[in-house]
C-alpha atoms as a PDB file:
ATOM      1  CA  MET A   1      -0.175   0.350  -0.402  1.00  0.00           C
ATOM      2  CA  LYS A   2       1.662   3.169  -0.808  1.00  0.00           C
ATOM      3  CA  LEU A   3       1.518   5.778   2.062  1.00  0.00           C
ATOM      4  CA  LEU A   4       0.748   9.774   0.958  1.00  0.00           C
ATOM      5  CA  PRO A   5       2.668  12.350   2.760  1.00  0.00           C
ATOM      6  CA  PHE A   6       1.540  12.948   6.115  1.00  0.00           C
ATOM      7  CA  SER A   7      -0.634  15.674   7.521  1.00  0.00           C
ATOM      8  CA  LYS A   8       1.136  18.033  10.107  1.00  0.00           C
ATOM      9  CA  LYS A   9      -1.706  17.257  12.365  1.00  0.00           C
ATOM     10  CA  THR A  10      -1.868  13.571  12.561  1.00  0.00           C
ATOM     11  CA  THR A  11      -1.770  10.905  15.517  1.00  0.00           C
ATOM     12  CA  LEU A  12      -0.441   7.558  15.021  1.00  0.00           C
ATOM     13  CA  GLY A  13      -1.704   4.573  17.134  1.00  0.00           C
ATOM     14  CA  LEU A  14       0.634   1.873  17.247  1.00  0.00           C
ATOM     15  CA  ASP A  15      -0.909  -1.884  18.607  1.00  0.00           C
ATOM     16  CA  ILE A  16       1.957  -3.957  19.308  1.00  0.00           C
ATOM     17  CA  GLY A  17       0.953  -7.840  19.607  1.00  0.00           C
ATOM     18  CA  SER A  18       2.217 -10.586  19.611  1.00  0.00           C
ATOM     19  CA  TYR A  19       1.987 -11.865  15.988  1.00  0.00           C
ATOM     20  CA  SER A  20       1.499  -8.609  14.371  1.00  0.00           C
ATOM     21  CA  ILE A  21       1.656  -4.144  14.432  1.00  0.00           C
ATOM     22  CA  LYS A  22      -1.242  -2.613  14.112  1.00  0.00           C
ATOM     23  CA  ALA A  23      -0.204   1.149  12.704  1.00  0.00           C
ATOM     24  CA  ILE A  24      -2.740   3.596  11.952  1.00  0.00           C
ATOM     25  CA  GLN A  25      -2.440   7.376  11.246  1.00  0.00           C
ATOM     26  CA  LEU A  26      -5.518   9.518  11.604  1.00  0.00           C
ATOM     27  CA  ALA A  27      -5.938  13.216  10.960  1.00  0.00           C
ATOM     28  CA  LYS A  28      -8.407  15.276  12.243  1.00  0.00           C
ATOM     29  CA  GLU A  29     -10.718  17.200   9.659  1.00  0.00           C
ATOM     30  CA  ASP A  30     -13.074  19.021  12.624  1.00  0.00           C
ATOM     31  CA  SER A  31     -14.644  18.202  16.228  1.00  0.00           C
ATOM     32  CA  SER A  32     -16.129  15.066  15.206  1.00  0.00           C
ATOM     33  CA  ARG A  33     -14.941  13.727  11.458  1.00  0.00           C
ATOM     34  CA  TYR A  34     -11.156  11.793  11.088  1.00  0.00           C
ATOM     35  CA  ARG A  35      -9.540  10.724   8.046  1.00  0.00           C
ATOM     36  CA  VAL A  36      -7.332   7.946   7.732  1.00  0.00           C
ATOM     37  CA  VAL A  37      -4.269   8.647   6.124  1.00  0.00           C
ATOM     38  CA  SER A  38      -2.200   5.527   6.331  1.00  0.00           C
ATOM     39  CA  LEU A  39      -2.623   2.075   8.262  1.00  0.00           C
ATOM     40  CA  ARG A  40      -0.281  -0.896   7.539  1.00  0.00           C
ATOM     41  CA  VAL A  41      -1.017  -4.344   9.562  1.00  0.00           C
ATOM     42  CA  THR A  42       2.410  -5.901   9.894  1.00  0.00           C
ATOM     43  CA  GLU A  43       3.382  -9.380  10.483  1.00  0.00           C
ATOM     44  CA  ILE A  44       6.029 -10.154  13.256  1.00  0.00           C
ATOM     45  CA  GLU A  45       8.332 -13.231  11.516  1.00  0.00           C
ATOM     46  CA  LYS A  46       7.328 -15.947  13.995  1.00  0.00           C
ATOM     47  CA  GLU A  47      10.331 -18.220  12.830  1.00  0.00           C
ATOM     48  CA  SER A  48      13.052 -15.925  13.931  1.00  0.00           C
ATOM     49  CA  GLU A  49      16.420 -16.864  15.526  1.00  0.00           C
ATOM     50  CA  ASN A  50      15.873 -13.619  17.321  1.00  0.00           C
ATOM     51  CA  PRO A  51      12.621 -13.076  18.842  1.00  0.00           C
ATOM     52  CA  HIS A  52      13.486  -9.389  20.044  1.00  0.00           C
ATOM     53  CA  GLU A  53      15.202  -7.956  16.453  1.00  0.00           C
ATOM     54  CA  ALA A  54      11.758  -9.360  14.664  1.00  0.00           C
ATOM     55  CA  ILE A  55       9.346  -7.329  16.959  1.00  0.00           C
ATOM     56  CA  ILE A  56      11.920  -3.959  15.926  1.00  0.00           C
ATOM     57  CA  THR A  57      11.838  -4.876  12.702  1.00  0.00           C
ATOM     58  CA  ALA A  58       7.901  -5.589  11.605  1.00  0.00           C
ATOM     59  CA  ILE A  59       7.630  -1.731  14.145  1.00  0.00           C
ATOM     60  CA  LYS A  60       9.682  -0.426  12.013  1.00  0.00           C
ATOM     61  CA  ASN A  61       8.340  -1.709   8.677  1.00  0.00           C
ATOM     62  CA  SER A  62       4.851  -0.523  10.424  1.00  0.00           C
ATOM     63  CA  LEU A  63       6.284   3.367  10.423  1.00  0.00           C
ATOM     64  CA  LYS A  64       8.051   3.346   7.124  1.00  0.00           C
ATOM     65  CA  GLY A  65       7.348   7.079   5.805  1.00  0.00           C
ATOM     66  CA  VAL A  66       6.376   8.377   9.406  1.00  0.00           C
ATOM     67  CA  ASN A  67       7.742  11.655  10.215  1.00  0.00           C
ATOM     68  CA  PRO A  68       8.053  11.875  13.838  1.00  0.00           C
ATOM     69  CA  LYS A  69       8.798  15.413  13.701  1.00  0.00           C
ATOM     70  CA  LYS A  70       4.829  15.804  12.476  1.00  0.00           C
ATOM     71  CA  THR A  71       3.057  12.779  13.894  1.00  0.00           C
ATOM     72  CA  ARG A  72       2.206  11.946  17.504  1.00  0.00           C
ATOM     73  CA  LEU A  73       2.593   8.320  18.024  1.00  0.00           C
ATOM     74  CA  VAL A  74       0.314   6.896  20.821  1.00  0.00           C
ATOM     75  CA  THR A  75       0.705   3.214  21.541  1.00  0.00           C
ATOM     76  CA  SER A  76      -0.473   0.417  24.478  1.00  0.00           C
ATOM     77  CA  LEU A  77       0.075  -2.258  26.812  1.00  0.00           C
ATOM     78  CA  GLY A  78      -2.130  -5.043  27.094  1.00  0.00           C
ATOM     79  CA  GLY A  79      -2.690  -8.884  28.446  1.00  0.00           C
ATOM     80  CA  SER A  80      -1.178  -9.713  31.637  1.00  0.00           C
ATOM     81  CA  SER A  81       0.743  -6.779  32.063  1.00  0.00           C
ATOM     82  CA  VAL A  82      -2.048  -4.654  32.515  1.00  0.00           C
ATOM     83  CA  LEU A  83      -4.775  -4.792  35.646  1.00  0.00           C
ATOM     84  CA  ILE A  84      -7.463  -2.435  36.002  1.00  0.00           C
ATOM     85  CA  LYS A  85      -9.698  -1.949  38.579  1.00  0.00           C
ATOM     86  CA  GLN A  86     -12.573   0.462  39.231  1.00  0.00           C
ATOM     87  CA  VAL A  87     -12.987   1.073  43.095  1.00  0.00           C
ATOM     88  CA  THR A  88     -15.101   3.504  45.596  1.00  0.00           C
ATOM     89  CA  PHE A  89     -12.553   6.226  47.091  1.00  0.00           C
ATOM     90  CA  PRO A  90     -13.683   8.299  49.924  1.00  0.00           C
ATOM     91  CA  SER A  91     -12.582  11.429  48.053  1.00  0.00           C
ATOM     92  CA  SER A  92     -13.389  13.327  44.645  1.00  0.00           C
ATOM     93  CA  SER A  93     -10.378  15.794  45.344  1.00  0.00           C
ATOM     94  CA  PRO A  94      -7.762  14.296  42.230  1.00  0.00           C
ATOM     95  CA  ARG A  95      -5.254  15.813  44.738  1.00  0.00           C
ATOM     96  CA  GLU A  96      -6.225  13.570  47.286  1.00  0.00           C
ATOM     97  CA  ILE A  97      -6.676  10.895  45.819  1.00  0.00           C
ATOM     98  CA  GLU A  98      -3.219  10.757  44.467  1.00  0.00           C
ATOM     99  CA  SER A  99      -1.733  11.371  47.444  1.00  0.00           C
ATOM    100  CA  SER A 100      -3.239   8.401  49.086  1.00  0.00           C
ATOM    101  CA  LEU A 101      -3.204   5.889  46.487  1.00  0.00           C
ATOM    102  CA  LYS A 102       0.216   4.293  48.030  1.00  0.00           C
ATOM    103  CA  TRP A 103      -1.973   3.080  51.368  1.00  0.00           C
ATOM    104  CA  GLU A 104      -5.474   2.472  49.106  1.00  0.00           C
ATOM    105  CA  ALA A 105      -4.319   0.561  46.215  1.00  0.00           C
ATOM    106  CA  PRO A 106      -2.615  -2.040  47.476  1.00  0.00           C
ATOM    107  CA  GLN A 107      -6.111  -3.609  48.775  1.00  0.00           C
ATOM    108  CA  TYR A 108      -7.089  -3.483  45.219  1.00  0.00           C
ATOM    109  CA  ILE A 109      -4.039  -4.163  42.964  1.00  0.00           C
ATOM    110  CA  PRO A 110      -2.354  -7.770  44.554  1.00  0.00           C
ATOM    111  CA  LEU A 111       1.000  -6.806  43.071  1.00  0.00           C
ATOM    112  CA  PRO A 112       3.652  -4.978  44.880  1.00  0.00           C
ATOM    113  CA  LEU A 113       3.894  -0.992  44.117  1.00  0.00           C
ATOM    114  CA  ASP A 114       7.217  -0.797  43.556  1.00  0.00           C
ATOM    115  CA  LYS A 115       6.708  -3.209  40.089  1.00  0.00           C
ATOM    116  CA  ILE A 116       3.904  -1.386  38.918  1.00  0.00           C
ATOM    117  CA  GLU A 117       3.374   2.229  37.228  1.00  0.00           C
ATOM    118  CA  LEU A 118      -0.208   3.061  38.889  1.00  0.00           C
ATOM    119  CA  LYS A 119      -2.256   5.625  37.096  1.00  0.00           C
ATOM    120  CA  PHE A 120      -6.215   6.508  38.160  1.00  0.00           C
ATOM    121  CA  GLN A 121      -9.058   8.417  35.918  1.00  0.00           C
ATOM    122  CA  ILE A 122     -12.018   9.551  38.058  1.00  0.00           C
ATOM    123  CA  ARG A 123     -14.884   8.153  36.359  1.00  0.00           C
ATOM    124  CA  ARG A 124     -17.748   9.767  38.337  1.00  0.00           C
ATOM    125  CA  VAL A 125     -18.300  12.035  41.275  1.00  0.00           C
ATOM    126  CA  ASN A 126     -20.825  10.198  43.660  1.00  0.00           C
ATOM    127  CA  GLU A 127     -24.214  11.476  44.869  1.00  0.00           C
ATOM    128  CA  ASP A 128     -22.837  12.721  48.016  1.00  0.00           C
ATOM    129  CA  GLY A 129     -20.238  14.831  46.496  1.00  0.00           C
ATOM    130  CA  LYS A 130     -17.280  12.825  49.201  1.00  0.00           C
ATOM    131  CA  SER A 131     -16.903   9.767  47.200  1.00  0.00           C
ATOM    132  CA  SER A 132     -16.207   9.100  43.443  1.00  0.00           C
ATOM    133  CA  GLU A 133     -15.579   6.038  41.499  1.00  0.00           C
ATOM    134  CA  VAL A 134     -12.042   6.035  40.529  1.00  0.00           C
ATOM    135  CA  LEU A 135     -10.406   3.770  37.617  1.00  0.00           C
ATOM    136  CA  LEU A 136      -6.881   2.148  39.008  1.00  0.00           C
ATOM    137  CA  VAL A 137      -4.481   1.255  36.307  1.00  0.00           C
ATOM    138  CA  ALA A 138      -1.996  -0.973  36.941  1.00  0.00           C
ATOM    139  CA  VAL A 139       1.360  -1.182  34.678  1.00  0.00           C
ATOM    140  CA  ASP A 140       4.283  -3.912  35.043  1.00  0.00           C
ATOM    141  CA  LYS A 141       7.246  -2.009  34.841  1.00  0.00           C
ATOM    142  CA  GLY A 142       9.013  -4.561  33.163  1.00  0.00           C
ATOM    143  CA  ALA A 143       6.848  -4.946  30.205  1.00  0.00           C
ATOM    144  CA  LEU A 144       6.822  -0.883  29.857  1.00  0.00           C
ATOM    145  CA  GLN A 145      10.708  -0.904  30.088  1.00  0.00           C
ATOM    146  CA  ARG A 146      10.549  -3.775  27.290  1.00  0.00           C
ATOM    147  CA  GLN A 147       8.106  -1.855  25.270  1.00  0.00           C
ATOM    148  CA  LEU A 148       9.903   1.850  25.306  1.00  0.00           C
ATOM    149  CA  GLU A 149      13.369  -0.617  24.295  1.00  0.00           C
ATOM    150  CA  PHE A 150      11.517  -1.812  21.448  1.00  0.00           C
ATOM    151  CA  LEU A 151      10.157   1.500  20.383  1.00  0.00           C
ATOM    152  CA  LYS A 152      13.354   3.581  21.135  1.00  0.00           C
ATOM    153  CA  SER A 153      15.510   0.599  18.428  1.00  0.00           C
ATOM    154  CA  ALA A 154      12.785   1.378  16.001  1.00  0.00           C
ATOM    155  CA  GLY A 155      13.769   5.115  16.270  1.00  0.00           C
ATOM    156  CA  VAL A 156      10.465   6.647  18.018  1.00  0.00           C
ATOM    157  CA  GLU A 157       9.592   7.662  21.029  1.00  0.00           C
ATOM    158  CA  PRO A 158       5.971   7.501  22.151  1.00  0.00           C
ATOM    159  CA  GLN A 159       3.815  10.470  23.411  1.00  0.00           C
ATOM    160  CA  ILE A 160       1.108   8.950  24.831  1.00  0.00           C
ATOM    161  CA  ILE A 161       1.173   5.099  26.765  1.00  0.00           C
ATOM    162  CA  ASP A 162      -2.473   3.702  26.521  1.00  0.00           C
ATOM    163  CA  VAL A 163      -3.564   0.398  27.722  1.00  0.00           C
ATOM    164  CA  ASN A 164      -5.733  -1.825  25.307  1.00  0.00           C
ATOM    165  CA  PRO A 165      -9.190  -1.908  27.075  1.00  0.00           C
ATOM    166  CA  LEU A 166      -9.490   1.653  27.421  1.00  0.00           C
ATOM    167  CA  ALA A 167      -8.505   1.931  23.795  1.00  0.00           C
ATOM    168  CA  LEU A 168     -10.711  -0.256  22.302  1.00  0.00           C
ATOM    169  CA  ALA A 169     -13.583   1.651  24.499  1.00  0.00           C
ATOM    170  CA  ASN A 170     -12.505   5.222  23.177  1.00  0.00           C
ATOM    171  CA  ALA A 171     -13.053   3.693  19.855  1.00  0.00           C
ATOM    172  CA  PHE A 172     -15.990   2.327  20.120  1.00  0.00           C
ATOM    173  CA  LEU A 173     -17.283   5.057  21.832  1.00  0.00           C
ATOM    174  CA  THR A 174     -16.161   7.451  18.939  1.00  0.00           C
ATOM    175  CA  PHE A 175     -17.865   6.049  16.753  1.00  0.00           C
ATOM    176  CA  SER A 176     -21.070   4.472  18.149  1.00  0.00           C
ATOM    177  CA  SER A 177     -24.194   5.768  17.299  1.00  0.00           C
ATOM    178  CA  LYS A 178     -26.295   3.872  19.510  1.00  0.00           C
ATOM    179  CA  ASP A 179     -28.236   4.520  22.838  1.00  0.00           C
ATOM    180  CA  GLU A 180     -25.133   5.091  25.273  1.00  0.00           C
ATOM    181  CA  ASP A 181     -27.608   4.270  27.694  1.00  0.00           C
ATOM    182  CA  LYS A 182     -26.500   0.580  28.377  1.00  0.00           C
ATOM    183  CA  ASN A 183     -24.048  -2.289  28.860  1.00  0.00           C
ATOM    184  CA  VAL A 184     -21.482  -2.746  26.368  1.00  0.00           C
ATOM    185  CA  ALA A 185     -19.458  -5.774  26.179  1.00  0.00           C
ATOM    186  CA  MET A 186     -16.639  -6.509  24.057  1.00  0.00           C
ATOM    187  CA  ILE A 187     -14.400  -9.380  23.155  1.00  0.00           C
ATOM    188  CA  ASP A 188     -11.138  -8.561  21.786  1.00  0.00           C
ATOM    189  CA  ILE A 189      -9.510 -11.685  20.403  1.00  0.00           C
ATOM    190  CA  GLY A 190      -5.863 -11.709  20.141  1.00  0.00           C
ATOM    191  CA  ALA A 191      -3.269 -14.018  18.840  1.00  0.00           C
ATOM    192  CA  SER A 192      -2.297 -14.476  22.992  1.00  0.00           C
ATOM    193  CA  SER A 193      -5.074 -13.705  25.067  1.00  0.00           C
ATOM    194  CA  THR A 194      -8.618 -12.573  24.674  1.00  0.00           C
ATOM    195  CA  ILE A 195      -9.018  -9.407  26.637  1.00  0.00           C
ATOM    196  CA  ILE A 196     -12.673  -9.159  27.927  1.00  0.00           C
ATOM    197  CA  THR A 197     -14.141  -5.532  28.238  1.00  0.00           C
ATOM    198  CA  ILE A 198     -17.846  -4.654  29.632  1.00  0.00           C
ATOM    199  CA  PHE A 199     -18.261  -1.107  30.780  1.00  0.00           C
ATOM    200  CA  ARG A 200     -21.666   1.695  30.708  1.00  0.00           C
ATOM    201  CA  LYS A 201     -20.680   5.066  29.658  1.00  0.00           C
ATOM    202  CA  GLY A 202     -20.407   6.669  32.929  1.00  0.00           C
ATOM    203  CA  GLY A 203     -20.490   3.822  34.950  1.00  0.00           C
ATOM    204  CA  PHE A 204     -18.757   0.449  35.658  1.00  0.00           C
ATOM    205  CA  PHE A 205     -16.116  -0.225  34.297  1.00  0.00           C
ATOM    206  CA  PHE A 206     -14.363  -4.076  34.125  1.00  0.00           C
ATOM    207  CA  SER A 207     -11.959  -5.932  32.498  1.00  0.00           C
ATOM    208  CA  ARG A 208      -9.914  -9.369  32.284  1.00  0.00           C
ATOM    209  CA  ASP A 209      -7.430 -10.716  30.189  1.00  0.00           C
ATOM    210  CA  ILE A 210      -7.771 -14.772  29.740  1.00  0.00           C
ATOM    211  CA  SER A 211      -4.823 -16.200  28.267  1.00  0.00           C
ATOM    212  CA  ILE A 212      -6.736 -17.860  25.507  1.00  0.00           C
ATOM    213  CA  GLY A 213      -6.551 -16.734  21.760  1.00  0.00           C
ATOM    214  CA  GLY A 214      -5.651 -17.557  17.710  1.00  0.00           C
ATOM    215  CA  ASP A 215      -2.488 -19.004  18.936  1.00  0.00           C
ATOM    216  CA  ARG A 216      -4.515 -21.951  20.857  1.00  0.00           C
ATOM    217  CA  PHE A 217      -6.786 -22.109  17.945  1.00  0.00           C
ATOM    218  CA  THR A 218      -3.815 -22.889  15.893  1.00  0.00           C
ATOM    219  CA  ARG A 219      -2.257 -24.958  18.131  1.00  0.00           C
ATOM    220  CA  GLU A 220      -5.481 -27.595  18.855  1.00  0.00           C
ATOM    221  CA  ILE A 221      -5.533 -27.864  14.798  1.00  0.00           C
ATOM    222  CA  GLN A 222      -1.930 -28.610  14.458  1.00  0.00           C
ATOM    223  CA  LYS A 223      -2.070 -31.031  17.286  1.00  0.00           C
ATOM    224  CA  THR A 224      -5.344 -32.680  15.863  1.00  0.00           C
ATOM    225  CA  TYR A 225      -3.951 -32.974  12.085  1.00  0.00           C
ATOM    226  CA  ARG A 226      -0.074 -33.202  12.622  1.00  0.00           C
ATOM    227  CA  LEU A 227       0.849 -30.193  11.031  1.00  0.00           C
ATOM    228  CA  GLU A 228       3.549 -27.745  11.306  1.00  0.00           C
ATOM    229  CA  TYR A 229       2.545 -24.640  13.037  1.00  0.00           C
ATOM    230  CA  LEU A 230       2.151 -22.639  10.055  1.00  0.00           C
ATOM    231  CA  GLN A 231       0.091 -25.246   7.902  1.00  0.00           C
ATOM    232  CA  ALA A 232      -2.403 -25.052  11.108  1.00  0.00           C
ATOM    233  CA  GLU A 233      -2.455 -20.857  10.450  1.00  0.00           C
ATOM    234  CA  ARG A 234      -3.464 -21.652   7.045  1.00  0.00           C
ATOM    235  CA  PHE A 235      -5.894 -24.307   7.692  1.00  0.00           C
ATOM    236  CA  LYS A 236      -7.596 -22.429  10.517  1.00  0.00           C
ATOM    237  CA  LYS A 237      -8.618 -19.433   8.341  1.00  0.00           C
ATOM    238  CA  LYS A 238     -10.630 -21.711   5.789  1.00  0.00           C
ATOM    239  CA  GLU A 239     -14.247 -21.647   5.663  1.00  0.00           C
ATOM    240  CA  GLU A 240     -14.569 -25.608   5.993  1.00  0.00           C
ATOM    241  CA  VAL A 241     -12.637 -25.519   9.277  1.00  0.00           C
ATOM    242  CA  ASP A 242     -14.638 -28.296  12.159  1.00  0.00           C
ATOM    243  CA  LEU A 243     -14.813 -25.846  15.052  1.00  0.00           C
ATOM    244  CA  ASN A 244     -14.993 -29.507  16.674  1.00  0.00           C
ATOM    245  CA  LEU A 245     -11.424 -29.533  16.495  1.00  0.00           C
ATOM    246  CA  ILE A 246     -11.043 -26.844  19.222  1.00  0.00           C
ATOM    247  CA  LYS A 247     -14.129 -27.361  21.422  1.00  0.00           C
ATOM    248  CA  THR A 248     -11.928 -27.986  23.953  1.00  0.00           C
ATOM    249  CA  VAL A 249     -10.348 -24.518  23.655  1.00  0.00           C
ATOM    250  CA  LEU A 250     -13.923 -22.515  22.573  1.00  0.00           C
ATOM    251  CA  ASP A 251     -15.641 -24.176  25.904  1.00  0.00           C
ATOM    252  CA  GLN A 252     -12.965 -22.797  28.143  1.00  0.00           C
ATOM    253  CA  LEU A 253     -13.140 -19.778  26.275  1.00  0.00           C
ATOM    254  CA  LEU A 254     -17.303 -19.569  26.793  1.00  0.00           C
ATOM    255  CA  LEU A 255     -17.181 -20.375  30.025  1.00  0.00           C
ATOM    256  CA  GLU A 256     -15.139 -17.495  30.945  1.00  0.00           C
ATOM    257  CA  ILE A 257     -16.817 -15.234  28.751  1.00  0.00           C
ATOM    258  CA  ARG A 258     -20.143 -16.135  30.411  1.00  0.00           C
ATOM    259  CA  GLN A 259     -18.606 -15.688  34.400  1.00  0.00           C
ATOM    260  CA  SER A 260     -17.417 -12.305  33.141  1.00  0.00           C
ATOM    261  CA  LEU A 261     -20.981 -10.987  32.380  1.00  0.00           C
ATOM    262  CA  LEU A 262     -22.599 -12.735  34.585  1.00  0.00           C
ATOM    263  CA  PHE A 263     -19.818 -11.005  37.115  1.00  0.00           C
ATOM    264  CA  PHE A 264     -20.846  -7.805  35.503  1.00  0.00           C
ATOM    265  CA  ASP A 265     -24.406  -7.710  35.223  1.00  0.00           C
ATOM    266  CA  THR A 266     -24.714  -8.741  39.234  1.00  0.00           C
ATOM    267  CA  ARG A 267     -22.460  -5.866  40.048  1.00  0.00           C
ATOM    268  CA  THR A 268     -24.368  -3.397  37.867  1.00  0.00           C
ATOM    269  CA  GLY A 269     -28.040  -4.263  38.905  1.00  0.00           C
ATOM    270  CA  HIS A 270     -29.089  -6.963  36.516  1.00  0.00           C
ATOM    271  CA  GLN A 271     -29.891  -4.920  33.433  1.00  0.00           C
ATOM    272  CA  GLY A 272     -28.669  -7.524  31.114  1.00  0.00           C
ATOM    273  CA  TYR A 273     -26.708  -7.226  27.300  1.00  0.00           C
ATOM    274  CA  GLU A 274     -28.259  -6.080  24.064  1.00  0.00           C
ATOM    275  CA  GLU A 275     -25.482  -7.696  22.219  1.00  0.00           C
ATOM    276  CA  ILE A 276     -21.574  -8.426  22.521  1.00  0.00           C
ATOM    277  CA  ILE A 277     -19.354  -6.786  20.206  1.00  0.00           C
ATOM    278  CA  ILE A 278     -16.222  -8.903  18.928  1.00  0.00           C
ATOM    279  CA  THR A 279     -12.856  -7.694  17.683  1.00  0.00           C
ATOM    280  CA  GLY A 280      -9.388  -8.899  17.432  1.00  0.00           C
ATOM    281  CA  GLY A 281      -7.994 -11.127  14.475  1.00  0.00           C
ATOM    282  CA  GLY A 282      -9.065 -13.854  16.607  1.00  0.00           C
ATOM    283  CA  ALA A 283     -12.790 -12.995  15.476  1.00  0.00           C
ATOM    284  CA  ARG A 284     -12.247 -13.991  11.770  1.00  0.00           C
ATOM    285  CA  LEU A 285     -12.067 -17.648  12.863  1.00  0.00           C
ATOM    286  CA  PRO A 286     -14.790 -19.021  10.722  1.00  0.00           C
ATOM    287  CA  GLY A 287     -18.088 -20.129  12.469  1.00  0.00           C
ATOM    288  CA  LEU A 288     -16.919 -18.623  15.646  1.00  0.00           C
ATOM    289  CA  ILE A 289     -19.478 -15.429  15.704  1.00  0.00           C
ATOM    290  CA  SER A 290     -22.121 -18.240  15.049  1.00  0.00           C
ATOM    291  CA  TYR A 291     -20.828 -20.337  17.845  1.00  0.00           C
ATOM    292  CA  LEU A 292     -20.834 -17.644  19.971  1.00  0.00           C
ATOM    293  CA  GLU A 293     -24.209 -16.689  19.422  1.00  0.00           C
ATOM    294  CA  LYS A 294     -25.987 -19.623  19.824  1.00  0.00           C
ATOM    295  CA  ASN A 295     -24.022 -20.776  23.082  1.00  0.00           C
ATOM    296  CA  LEU A 296     -24.757 -17.329  24.583  1.00  0.00           C
ATOM    297  CA  ASN A 297     -27.756 -16.621  23.132  1.00  0.00           C
ATOM    298  CA  LEU A 298     -27.206 -12.964  22.227  1.00  0.00           C
ATOM    299  CA  PRO A 299     -26.273 -11.479  18.943  1.00  0.00           C
ATOM    300  CA  ILE A 300     -22.964 -11.170  17.824  1.00  0.00           C
ATOM    301  CA  ILE A 301     -21.429  -8.093  16.212  1.00  0.00           C
ATOM    302  CA  SER A 302     -17.733  -7.257  14.482  1.00  0.00           C
ATOM    303  CA  PHE A 303     -16.629  -4.140  15.345  1.00  0.00           C
ATOM    304  CA  ASN A 304     -15.424  -2.488  12.338  1.00  0.00           C
ATOM    305  CA  PRO A 305     -14.077   0.608  13.096  1.00  0.00           C
ATOM    306  CA  LEU A 306     -12.633   2.142   9.442  1.00  0.00           C
ATOM    307  CA  SER A 307     -17.150   2.295   8.740  1.00  0.00           C
ATOM    308  CA  ASN A 308     -17.991   5.439   7.618  1.00  0.00           C
ATOM    309  CA  LEU A 309     -13.990   6.909   7.301  1.00  0.00           C
ATOM    310  CA  LYS A 310     -12.666   8.559   4.392  1.00  0.00           C
ATOM    311  CA  MET A 311      -9.294   6.950   3.575  1.00  0.00           C
ATOM    312  CA  ASP A 312      -6.518   8.916   1.763  1.00  0.00           C
ATOM    313  CA  PHE A 313      -5.784   5.514  -0.177  1.00  0.00           C
ATOM    314  CA  ASN A 314      -8.032   2.903  -2.395  1.00  0.00           C
ATOM    315  CA  LEU A 315      -8.745  -0.395  -0.128  1.00  0.00           C
ATOM    316  CA  SER A 316     -11.269  -3.503  -2.085  1.00  0.00           C
ATOM    317  CA  GLU A 317     -13.812  -4.914   0.287  1.00  0.00           C
ATOM    318  CA  ASP A 318     -11.374  -7.684   0.504  1.00  0.00           C
ATOM    319  CA  GLU A 319      -8.351  -6.294   2.116  1.00  0.00           C
ATOM    320  CA  VAL A 320     -10.616  -3.858   4.440  1.00  0.00           C
ATOM    321  CA  GLU A 321     -12.432  -7.270   5.619  1.00  0.00           C
ATOM    322  CA  LYS A 322      -8.746  -8.834   5.990  1.00  0.00           C
ATOM    323  CA  ILE A 323      -7.504  -6.427   8.528  1.00  0.00           C
ATOM    324  CA  GLU A 324     -10.781  -4.621  10.052  1.00  0.00           C
ATOM    325  CA  THR A 325     -11.191  -6.996  13.034  1.00  0.00           C
ATOM    326  CA  GLN A 326      -7.634  -6.219  13.846  1.00  0.00           C
ATOM    327  CA  LEU A 327      -7.840  -2.495  13.986  1.00  0.00           C
ATOM    328  CA  GLY A 328      -9.789  -1.785  16.997  1.00  0.00           C
ATOM    329  CA  VAL A 329      -6.965  -1.095  19.708  1.00  0.00           C
ATOM    330  CA  ALA A 330      -5.100   1.054  17.237  1.00  0.00           C
ATOM    331  CA  MET A 331      -8.169   3.095  16.185  1.00  0.00           C
ATOM    332  CA  GLY A 332      -8.707   4.043  19.964  1.00  0.00           C
ATOM    333  CA  LEU A 333      -4.844   4.974  20.418  1.00  0.00           C
ATOM    334  CA  ALA A 334      -4.763   7.203  17.317  1.00  0.00           C
ATOM    335  CA  LEU A 335      -7.975   8.696  18.548  1.00  0.00           C
ATOM    336  CA  ARG A 336      -6.355   9.746  21.867  1.00  0.00           C
ATOM    337  CA  GLU A 337      -6.594  13.554  22.488  1.00  0.00           C
END
C-alpha cells in the first residue's frame, strides 16, 4: 500500500501485539470527523532466530514514511501486564486521591507497588459529593520498559502510552451512534490472549485478560492434524474448518465470557445485554460468531472501526475485511486527544 504525505496534524496509533503490529494514522478534520491517512498491519516473523529483533523490524516496517516531528505517536500495553480495577474512593479531589494511592491501592491491586506504574482516572463523583468512582490502572514496569526499548530501537518515542481495554472502549464510544445508556460488552480475541471489556458510559468499567487466543486455536488444529504451525495457521482460516477440532478451547473461552458477563450484570443491577461486540484477529475464525451466538443467546456484532471513514488511499472490500477486525485498539490509540 502506498503511503501518502503525512498531515501536519496527525496521530498514529501503534498496537504492538504478539503476532502483528497494527498502525493507523488519523487526521482530524473537525471536532467529530477523522480521515485515515495511512494504515498497516505487519506480521512479526514467527520463525525468527531472534524474536527481539523480529519485533523491532516489524515496528520499523509499520512506521515507514512516518515523520516523527509531524506525527504524534500513541501506543499501549495489554494482556497480563495490565490490571484495571474500578473502586470507590472516599474523596473526589484528584490531589487527595493521588496522595492516598500508596495506602489505598494495595487492597485492590495485588501487586507490589514498586513493580508497577499506577495511574488513576475519576469516572464520576458520587451523589454525596464526597466519594468518587475511580479507575485504577496498573502496568508492569518490566513490560513497560521492554515496550519503550523496542520503540527506541526502532527510532521512535511515544507521546502517550495507553492500555488496550481503554483504547478499545475509546474507539467504540467515538463511533457508536447507538444508545449510550446500556451495558457494552466487547471481546477482543488476539493471538495470545482475549480481553473481555464490559462498561457503561459514566458507570462501572470491568476488564479481564484470558490466556486463550488465536494461537491456542492454531495449536489445537496443529495437534489434531499433526501439521506444522504455519500449515495449521493457514488451515484455520479456511471456511471448512471444523470447530469441533477446537471445542475444548472454545468451551473454555465460552465459560470465561459467561462468568465475566454474569459478574458485571450482578455488579450493576441485572440490566442485561443487547449484544456483544467482537473484535481482534482471532474473531475472523470461520464459524466463531455463529458458535458464540448460539451458546450465549445474544447477537454477536463485529466491530468495524473503518466504517464511514474517509481514506487517503484505496482498499478493496476484501482487503478491508481481512484487516478491519484487528484495528480496534490501534484506532482507539489514534483517537487519543
